[in-house]
């Protein structure tokens, strides 16, 4: 069971690095959408901010788990709560800002 946990930590690290790279380079699968041209740049900017924040949280939490700096349960639950919080806040922001374009 410990090997499965280690594999999940490694997967989280890879996912965090991917999100960071996508957010910084503004390229990748997370930018594929079919929104109207007038909002594409603004959506791209907000998606990159969310990707950088989420990628940072995932990367830092994975490194902390690998190095066993803190109690692993605390790191896992904190990173989950932070990532879900970022996604929920972004979802609300996105609906308020671009809701008329996605109906």
N, C-alpha and C. Protein backbone atom coordinates (compact mmCIF):
# COMPACT_ATOMS: atom_id res chain seq x y z
N UNK A 1 0.82 -1.19 0.00
CA UNK A 1 0.00 0.00 0.00
C UNK A 1 0.87 1.26 0.00
N UNK A 2 2.01 1.17 0.60
CA UNK A 2 2.92 2.32 0.64
C UNK A 2 3.42 2.67 -0.77
N UNK A 3 3.60 1.65 -1.61
CA UNK A 3 4.05 1.90 -2.98
C UNK A 3 3.00 2.67 -3.77
N UNK A 4 1.74 2.37 -3.55
CA UNK A 4 0.66 3.08 -4.22
C UNK A 4 0.63 4.55 -3.78
N UNK A 5 0.85 4.79 -2.52
CA UNK A 5 0.89 6.17 -2.01
C UNK A 5 2.06 6.93 -2.63
N UNK A 6 3.22 6.28 -2.72
CA UNK A 6 4.38 6.92 -3.34
C UNK A 6 4.12 7.23 -4.80
N UNK A 7 3.41 6.35 -5.48
CA UNK A 7 3.06 6.58 -6.87
C UNK A 7 2.12 7.77 -7.00
N UNK A 8 1.18 7.91 -6.09
CA UNK A 8 0.27 9.06 -6.11
C UNK A 8 1.00 10.37 -5.84
N UNK A 9 1.98 10.34 -4.95
CA UNK A 9 2.77 11.53 -4.68
C UNK A 9 3.56 11.93 -5.93
N UNK A 10 4.13 10.95 -6.60
CA UNK A 10 4.87 11.22 -7.83
C UNK A 10 3.93 11.76 -8.91
N UNK A 11 2.74 11.19 -9.03
CA UNK A 11 1.76 11.68 -10.00
C UNK A 11 1.36 13.12 -9.68
N UNK A 12 1.17 13.43 -8.41
CA UNK A 12 0.83 14.79 -8.00
C UNK A 12 1.95 15.76 -8.34
N UNK A 13 3.18 15.33 -8.17
CA UNK A 13 4.33 16.17 -8.53
C UNK A 13 4.35 16.45 -10.02
N UNK A 14 4.16 15.42 -10.82
CA UNK A 14 4.15 15.58 -12.28
C UNK A 14 3.00 16.50 -12.70
N UNK A 15 1.83 16.32 -12.12
CA UNK A 15 0.68 17.15 -12.44
C UNK A 15 0.94 18.61 -12.04
N UNK A 16 1.54 18.82 -10.89
CA UNK A 16 1.85 20.17 -10.44
C UNK A 16 2.85 20.86 -11.36
N UNK A 17 3.87 20.14 -11.78
CA UNK A 17 4.86 20.71 -12.70
C UNK A 17 4.21 21.01 -14.05
N UNK A 18 3.32 20.13 -14.51
CA UNK A 18 2.61 20.36 -15.76
C UNK A 18 1.76 21.63 -15.68
N UNK A 19 1.00 21.78 -14.60
CA UNK A 19 0.18 22.99 -14.44
C UNK A 19 1.04 24.24 -14.37
N UNK A 20 2.16 24.16 -13.65
CA UNK A 20 3.06 25.31 -13.60
C UNK A 20 3.60 25.67 -14.97
N UNK A 21 4.02 24.67 -15.73
CA UNK A 21 4.54 24.92 -17.08
C UNK A 21 3.45 25.51 -17.98
N UNK A 22 2.26 24.95 -17.92
CA UNK A 22 1.15 25.48 -18.73
C UNK A 22 0.84 26.92 -18.34
N UNK A 23 0.83 27.20 -17.07
CA UNK A 23 0.52 28.55 -16.60
C UNK A 23 1.58 29.57 -16.98
N UNK A 24 2.83 29.17 -16.90
CA UNK A 24 3.91 30.10 -17.23
C UNK A 24 4.10 30.28 -18.73
N UNK A 25 3.95 29.20 -19.49
CA UNK A 25 4.16 29.27 -20.94
C UNK A 25 2.90 29.62 -21.70
N UNK A 26 1.75 29.56 -21.03
CA UNK A 26 0.44 29.83 -21.64
C UNK A 26 0.20 28.97 -22.87
N UNK A 27 0.58 27.71 -22.75
CA UNK A 27 0.34 26.72 -23.78
C UNK A 27 -0.09 25.43 -23.11
N UNK A 28 -0.76 24.58 -23.86
CA UNK A 28 -1.15 23.28 -23.33
C UNK A 28 -2.62 23.01 -23.50
N UNK A 29 -3.00 21.82 -23.12
CA UNK A 29 -4.37 21.37 -23.27
C UNK A 29 -5.39 22.14 -22.45
N UNK A 30 -4.96 22.77 -21.38
CA UNK A 30 -5.93 23.49 -20.54
C UNK A 30 -6.42 24.77 -21.20
N UNK A 31 -5.81 25.17 -22.29
CA UNK A 31 -6.23 26.38 -23.00
C UNK A 31 -7.12 26.08 -24.19
N UNK A 32 -7.39 24.83 -24.48
CA UNK A 32 -8.26 24.50 -25.61
C UNK A 32 -9.72 24.73 -25.23
N UNK A 33 -10.33 25.66 -25.89
CA UNK A 33 -11.74 25.95 -25.68
C UNK A 33 -12.31 26.58 -26.94
N UNK A 34 -13.58 26.75 -26.96
CA UNK A 34 -14.21 27.39 -28.11
C UNK A 34 -15.07 28.57 -27.66
N UNK A 35 -14.46 29.46 -26.91
CA UNK A 35 -15.12 30.69 -26.50
C UNK A 35 -15.00 31.71 -27.62
N UNK A 36 -15.86 32.71 -27.62
CA UNK A 36 -15.76 33.77 -28.64
C UNK A 36 -14.42 34.50 -28.56
N UNK A 37 -14.01 35.08 -29.70
CA UNK A 37 -12.71 35.75 -29.76
C UNK A 37 -12.57 36.89 -28.77
N UNK A 38 -13.65 37.60 -28.50
CA UNK A 38 -13.54 38.78 -27.64
C UNK A 38 -13.17 38.45 -26.19
N UNK A 39 -13.35 37.21 -25.77
CA UNK A 39 -12.98 36.87 -24.39
C UNK A 39 -11.83 35.88 -24.31
N UNK A 40 -11.34 35.40 -25.43
CA UNK A 40 -10.29 34.37 -25.42
C UNK A 40 -9.06 34.79 -24.62
N UNK A 41 -8.57 35.99 -24.83
CA UNK A 41 -7.36 36.44 -24.13
C UNK A 41 -7.59 36.58 -22.63
N UNK A 42 -8.75 37.08 -22.26
CA UNK A 42 -9.05 37.23 -20.84
C UNK A 42 -9.21 35.87 -20.16
N UNK A 43 -9.83 34.93 -20.85
CA UNK A 43 -9.97 33.57 -20.32
C UNK A 43 -8.59 32.93 -20.20
N UNK A 44 -7.75 33.12 -21.21
CA UNK A 44 -6.39 32.56 -21.19
C UNK A 44 -5.60 33.09 -19.99
N UNK A 45 -5.74 34.37 -19.73
CA UNK A 45 -5.04 35.00 -18.60
C UNK A 45 -5.52 34.43 -17.27
N UNK A 46 -6.84 34.30 -17.12
CA UNK A 46 -7.37 33.80 -15.85
C UNK A 46 -7.06 32.31 -15.67
N UNK A 47 -7.08 31.54 -16.75
CA UNK A 47 -6.72 30.13 -16.66
C UNK A 47 -5.25 29.98 -16.27
N UNK A 48 -4.39 30.84 -16.81
CA UNK A 48 -2.97 30.74 -16.46
C UNK A 48 -2.73 31.07 -14.99
N UNK A 49 -3.47 32.02 -14.44
CA UNK A 49 -3.34 32.35 -13.02
C UNK A 49 -3.75 31.16 -12.16
N UNK A 50 -4.87 30.55 -12.51
CA UNK A 50 -5.34 29.38 -11.75
C UNK A 50 -4.35 28.22 -11.90
N UNK A 51 -3.80 28.03 -13.09
CA UNK A 51 -2.84 26.95 -13.31
C UNK A 51 -1.56 27.17 -12.50
N UNK A 52 -1.11 28.40 -12.42
CA UNK A 52 0.10 28.70 -11.63
C UNK A 52 -0.15 28.46 -10.15
N UNK A 53 -1.29 28.92 -9.65
CA UNK A 53 -1.59 28.73 -8.23
C UNK A 53 -1.74 27.24 -7.91
N UNK A 54 -2.54 26.54 -8.71
CA UNK A 54 -2.77 25.12 -8.46
C UNK A 54 -1.50 24.31 -8.65
N UNK A 55 -0.74 24.62 -9.68
CA UNK A 55 0.53 23.93 -9.91
C UNK A 55 1.52 24.15 -8.78
N UNK A 56 1.56 25.36 -8.26
CA UNK A 56 2.45 25.65 -7.13
C UNK A 56 2.05 24.85 -5.89
N UNK A 57 0.75 24.83 -5.60
CA UNK A 57 0.27 24.08 -4.43
C UNK A 57 0.60 22.60 -4.57
N UNK A 58 0.30 22.02 -5.74
CA UNK A 58 0.56 20.60 -5.95
C UNK A 58 2.04 20.27 -5.89
N UNK A 59 2.87 21.11 -6.51
CA UNK A 59 4.31 20.86 -6.52
C UNK A 59 4.91 20.96 -5.12
N UNK A 60 4.57 22.02 -4.41
CA UNK A 60 5.11 22.21 -3.07
C UNK A 60 4.64 21.10 -2.13
N UNK A 61 3.36 20.74 -2.21
CA UNK A 61 2.87 19.69 -1.32
C UNK A 61 3.52 18.35 -1.64
N UNK A 62 3.76 18.07 -2.91
CA UNK A 62 4.43 16.82 -3.28
C UNK A 62 5.86 16.78 -2.77
N UNK A 63 6.56 17.89 -2.91
CA UNK A 63 7.94 17.94 -2.43
C UNK A 63 7.97 17.79 -0.91
N UNK A 64 7.04 18.44 -0.22
CA UNK A 64 6.98 18.30 1.24
C UNK A 64 6.67 16.87 1.66
N UNK A 65 5.83 16.18 0.88
CA UNK A 65 5.54 14.78 1.18
C UNK A 65 6.75 13.89 0.92
N UNK A 66 7.44 14.14 -0.17
CA UNK A 66 8.62 13.34 -0.50
C UNK A 66 9.70 13.52 0.56
N UNK A 67 9.89 14.76 1.02
CA UNK A 67 10.92 15.03 2.03
C UNK A 67 10.44 14.74 3.45
N UNK A 68 9.17 14.43 3.62
CA UNK A 68 8.56 14.15 4.93
C UNK A 68 8.84 15.25 5.94
N UNK A 69 8.62 16.49 5.50
CA UNK A 69 8.86 17.65 6.36
C UNK A 69 7.76 17.76 7.42
N UNK A 70 6.52 17.58 7.01
CA UNK A 70 5.38 17.66 7.92
C UNK A 70 4.68 16.31 7.96
N UNK A 71 3.69 16.24 8.82
CA UNK A 71 2.84 15.06 8.85
C UNK A 71 2.15 14.94 7.49
N UNK A 72 2.21 13.75 6.89
CA UNK A 72 1.71 13.59 5.54
C UNK A 72 0.21 13.87 5.42
N UNK A 73 -0.56 13.52 6.42
CA UNK A 73 -2.00 13.78 6.37
C UNK A 73 -2.29 15.27 6.29
N UNK A 74 -1.54 16.06 7.04
CA UNK A 74 -1.74 17.51 7.04
C UNK A 74 -1.45 18.07 5.64
N UNK A 75 -0.37 17.63 5.04
CA UNK A 75 0.02 18.13 3.72
C UNK A 75 -1.02 17.74 2.68
N UNK A 76 -1.46 16.50 2.71
CA UNK A 76 -2.43 16.02 1.72
C UNK A 76 -3.74 16.79 1.83
N UNK A 77 -4.29 16.87 3.03
CA UNK A 77 -5.58 17.53 3.20
C UNK A 77 -5.49 19.03 2.93
N UNK A 78 -4.40 19.65 3.32
CA UNK A 78 -4.23 21.08 3.06
C UNK A 78 -4.16 21.35 1.56
N UNK A 79 -3.41 20.55 0.84
CA UNK A 79 -3.30 20.76 -0.61
C UNK A 79 -4.63 20.50 -1.31
N UNK A 80 -5.37 19.50 -0.86
CA UNK A 80 -6.68 19.22 -1.45
C UNK A 80 -7.63 20.38 -1.21
N UNK A 81 -7.68 20.87 0.02
CA UNK A 81 -8.57 21.98 0.35
C UNK A 81 -8.18 23.24 -0.43
N UNK A 82 -6.89 23.52 -0.53
CA UNK A 82 -6.44 24.70 -1.28
C UNK A 82 -6.80 24.59 -2.76
N UNK A 83 -6.55 23.45 -3.36
CA UNK A 83 -6.85 23.28 -4.79
C UNK A 83 -8.35 23.35 -5.06
N UNK A 84 -9.15 22.71 -4.23
CA UNK A 84 -10.59 22.78 -4.41
C UNK A 84 -11.08 24.21 -4.20
N UNK A 85 -10.52 24.90 -3.22
CA UNK A 85 -10.89 26.29 -2.99
C UNK A 85 -10.57 27.18 -4.18
N UNK A 86 -9.41 27.00 -4.77
CA UNK A 86 -9.02 27.79 -5.95
C UNK A 86 -9.97 27.51 -7.11
N UNK A 87 -10.29 26.25 -7.33
CA UNK A 87 -11.19 25.88 -8.43
C UNK A 87 -12.60 26.43 -8.20
N UNK A 88 -13.09 26.36 -6.99
CA UNK A 88 -14.43 26.88 -6.69
C UNK A 88 -14.48 28.40 -6.87
N UNK A 89 -13.48 29.09 -6.35
CA UNK A 89 -13.43 30.55 -6.51
C UNK A 89 -13.33 30.92 -7.98
N UNK A 90 -12.53 30.18 -8.74
CA UNK A 90 -12.41 30.45 -10.17
C UNK A 90 -13.72 30.17 -10.89
N UNK A 91 -14.41 29.11 -10.52
CA UNK A 91 -15.69 28.80 -11.13
C UNK A 91 -16.71 29.91 -10.91
N UNK A 92 -16.76 30.43 -9.69
CA UNK A 92 -17.67 31.53 -9.39
C UNK A 92 -17.28 32.78 -10.16
N UNK A 93 -15.99 33.10 -10.16
CA UNK A 93 -15.49 34.26 -10.91
C UNK A 93 -15.81 34.12 -12.40
N UNK A 94 -15.57 32.93 -12.95
CA UNK A 94 -15.79 32.69 -14.36
C UNK A 94 -17.26 32.85 -14.73
N UNK A 95 -18.15 32.32 -13.90
CA UNK A 95 -19.59 32.45 -14.15
C UNK A 95 -20.03 33.91 -14.11
N UNK A 96 -19.53 34.66 -13.14
CA UNK A 96 -19.91 36.07 -13.01
C UNK A 96 -19.36 36.89 -14.19
N UNK A 97 -18.11 36.63 -14.55
CA UNK A 97 -17.44 37.43 -15.57
C UNK A 97 -17.87 37.06 -16.99
N UNK A 98 -17.96 35.77 -17.29
CA UNK A 98 -18.20 35.32 -18.66
C UNK A 98 -19.49 34.54 -18.83
N UNK A 99 -20.39 34.63 -17.87
CA UNK A 99 -21.62 33.85 -17.91
C UNK A 99 -22.46 34.09 -19.15
N UNK A 100 -22.50 35.30 -19.63
CA UNK A 100 -23.34 35.59 -20.78
C UNK A 100 -22.81 34.98 -22.07
N UNK A 101 -21.51 34.61 -22.09
CA UNK A 101 -20.92 34.02 -23.28
C UNK A 101 -21.07 32.49 -23.32
N UNK A 102 -21.37 31.88 -22.19
CA UNK A 102 -21.40 30.42 -22.15
C UNK A 102 -22.81 29.84 -22.07
N UNK A 103 -23.79 30.64 -22.27
CA UNK A 103 -25.17 30.15 -22.24
C UNK A 103 -25.59 29.60 -23.56
